[in-house]
Amino acid sequence: MTFHETMELVVTGFEAAGVAILIFGSLAALMSAAAKLRHGDGRAAYTHARQDVGRAILLGLEVLIIADIVQTITVDPTLNNALTLGLIVLVRTFLSFSLEIELDGTLPWRRNSADTGPAGAAETASTSGPAD
């Protein structure tokens, strides 16, 4: 088996893993939501289902990006494929960013201040030294 054939198998493995994460992660999220729904908490079931499906999508997209990178670098390293990879990574990064905002309810760079609240933010500001 040549290096090229081995890398094609690696890419196929990553693609299969990414799709499996999307499928099984989403199914697990929906089954968990169904269990919560049976206990009569529809709002919690919906919220957890959205968050868990979103996490499965995020992880699946990350694994699929790995497959695209490996394919572009090792299997078919042409300028056209590199440009296509760049576009795919941009689109998937935008999707991942949007999903993270949707799941957390805040921008990533504001996550720490939202977690600590006003008291934590004031404490952080006072320990970081004088402002410029």
Protein backbone atom coordinates (compact mmCIF):
# COMPACT_ATOMS: atom_id res chain seq x y z
CA MET A 1 0.00 0.00 0.00
CA THR A 2 1.40 3.38 -1.00
CA PHE A 3 1.46 6.54 1.07
CA HIS A 4 -1.19 8.08 -1.18
CA GLU A 5 -3.55 5.12 -0.67
CA THR A 6 -2.94 5.19 3.07
CA MET A 7 -3.79 8.88 3.26
CA GLU A 8 -6.97 8.31 1.24
CA LEU A 9 -8.00 5.72 3.85
CA VAL A 10 -7.17 8.16 6.65
CA VAL A 11 -9.32 10.84 4.99
CA THR A 12 -12.16 8.36 4.53
CA GLY A 13 -11.84 7.40 8.21
CA PHE A 14 -12.06 11.01 9.36
CA GLU A 15 -15.04 11.65 7.08
CA ALA A 16 -16.81 8.55 8.41
CA ALA A 17 -16.04 9.59 11.99
CA GLY A 18 -17.39 13.10 11.37
CA VAL A 19 -20.62 11.79 9.89
CA ALA A 20 -20.96 9.23 12.71
CA ILE A 21 -20.55 12.00 15.29
CA LEU A 22 -23.26 14.02 13.57
CA ILE A 23 -25.65 11.07 13.38
CA PHE A 24 -25.08 9.43 16.76
CA GLY A 25 -24.65 12.71 18.63
CA SER A 26 -27.93 14.01 17.28
CA LEU A 27 -29.73 10.74 18.00
CA ALA A 28 -28.37 10.68 21.56
CA ALA A 29 -29.49 14.29 22.06
CA LEU A 30 -32.98 13.51 20.78
CA MET A 31 -33.29 10.37 22.93
CA SER A 32 -32.19 12.37 25.98
CA ALA A 33 -34.76 15.04 25.15
CA ALA A 34 -37.45 12.39 24.76
CA ALA A 35 -36.61 11.06 28.24
CA LYS A 36 -36.92 14.57 29.70
CA LEU A 37 -40.18 15.07 27.82
CA ARG A 38 -41.62 11.92 29.41
CA HIS A 39 -40.99 13.52 32.80
CA GLY A 40 -43.18 16.43 31.71
CA ASP A 41 -40.52 19.12 31.32
CA GLY A 42 -40.98 20.18 27.70
CA ARG A 43 -39.02 23.42 27.94
CA ALA A 44 -35.96 21.72 29.46
CA ALA A 45 -36.20 18.92 26.88
CA TYR A 46 -36.20 21.45 24.05
CA THR A 47 -33.31 23.48 25.50
CA HIS A 48 -31.14 20.43 26.15
CA ALA A 49 -31.93 18.95 22.73
CA ARG A 50 -30.85 22.18 21.00
CA GLN A 51 -27.65 22.41 23.01
CA ASP A 52 -26.72 18.76 22.59
CA VAL A 53 -27.48 18.69 18.85
CA GLY A 54 -25.47 21.90 18.49
CA ARG A 55 -22.50 20.33 20.29
CA ALA A 56 -22.71 17.25 18.05
CA ILE A 57 -22.70 19.48 14.98
CA LEU A 58 -19.72 21.46 16.27
CA LEU A 59 -17.68 18.34 16.95
CA GLY A 60 -18.68 16.72 13.66
CA LEU A 61 -17.68 19.86 11.73
CA GLU A 62 -14.29 19.93 13.44
CA VAL A 63 -13.59 16.31 12.47
CA LEU A 64 -14.72 16.96 8.89
CA ILE A 65 -12.35 19.94 8.72
CA ILE A 66 -9.52 17.59 9.72
CA ALA A 67 -10.46 15.29 6.83
CA ASP A 68 -10.42 18.21 4.39
CA ILE A 69 -7.04 19.42 5.63
CA VAL A 70 -5.45 15.97 5.40
CA GLN A 71 -6.88 15.46 1.93
CA THR A 72 -5.63 18.80 0.65
CA ILE A 73 -2.16 18.43 2.14
CA THR A 74 -1.45 14.80 1.33
CA VAL A 75 -3.82 13.38 -1.28
CA ASP A 76 -4.30 16.13 -3.86
CA PRO A 77 -2.18 19.23 -3.07
CA THR A 78 -3.19 21.55 -5.91
CA LEU A 79 -3.80 25.29 -5.75
CA ASN A 80 -7.45 24.79 -6.69
CA ASN A 81 -7.92 22.29 -3.83
CA ALA A 82 -6.13 24.62 -1.40
CA LEU A 83 -8.48 27.47 -2.36
CA THR A 84 -11.47 25.16 -2.02
CA LEU A 85 -10.21 24.07 1.41
CA GLY A 86 -9.87 27.71 2.45
CA LEU A 87 -13.46 28.40 1.46
CA ILE A 88 -14.72 25.26 3.23
CA VAL A 89 -12.82 26.16 6.40
CA LEU A 90 -14.22 29.71 6.31
CA VAL A 91 -17.80 28.48 5.94
CA ARG A 92 -17.41 25.83 8.65
CA THR A 93 -15.68 28.30 10.96
CA PHE A 94 -18.57 30.74 10.51
CA LEU A 95 -21.04 27.92 11.24
CA SER A 96 -19.09 26.86 14.33
CA PHE A 97 -18.88 30.45 15.56
CA SER A 98 -22.61 30.96 15.02
CA LEU A 99 -23.45 27.71 16.81
CA GLU A 100 -21.25 28.61 19.79
CA ILE A 101 -23.00 31.96 20.13
CA GLU A 102 -26.36 30.22 19.88
CA LEU A 103 -25.42 27.61 22.50
CA ASP A 104 -23.78 29.95 25.01
CA GLY A 105 -25.98 32.97 24.43
CA THR A 106 -22.98 35.30 24.39
CA LEU A 107 -20.03 36.24 22.25
CA PRO A 108 -16.93 34.13 22.97
CA TRP A 109 -14.83 37.12 24.04
CA ARG A 110 -17.53 38.15 26.51
CA ARG A 111 -17.98 34.68 27.96
CA ASN A 112 -15.75 35.25 31.03
CA SER A 113 -17.43 38.50 32.02
CA ALA A 114 -20.87 36.92 31.57
CA ASP A 115 -19.85 33.95 33.74
CA THR A 116 -18.46 36.05 36.58
CA GLY A 117 -21.15 38.72 36.60
CA PRO A 118 -20.66 42.37 37.59
CA ALA A 119 -18.88 41.58 40.86
CA GLY A 120 -16.40 39.27 39.14
CA ALA A 121 -15.80 41.78 36.36
CA ALA A 122 -15.11 44.56 38.87
CA GLU A 123 -12.74 42.29 40.78
CA THR A 124 -10.91 41.37 37.57
CA ALA A 125 -10.60 45.05 36.62
CA SER A 126 -9.22 45.98 40.03
CA THR A 127 -6.57 43.24 40.01
CA SER A 128 -5.39 43.84 36.45
CA GLY A 129 -3.72 47.15 37.24
CA PRO A 130 -4.37 50.70 36.13
CA ALA A 131 -6.16 51.36 32.87
CA ASP A 132 -4.33 53.15 30.07
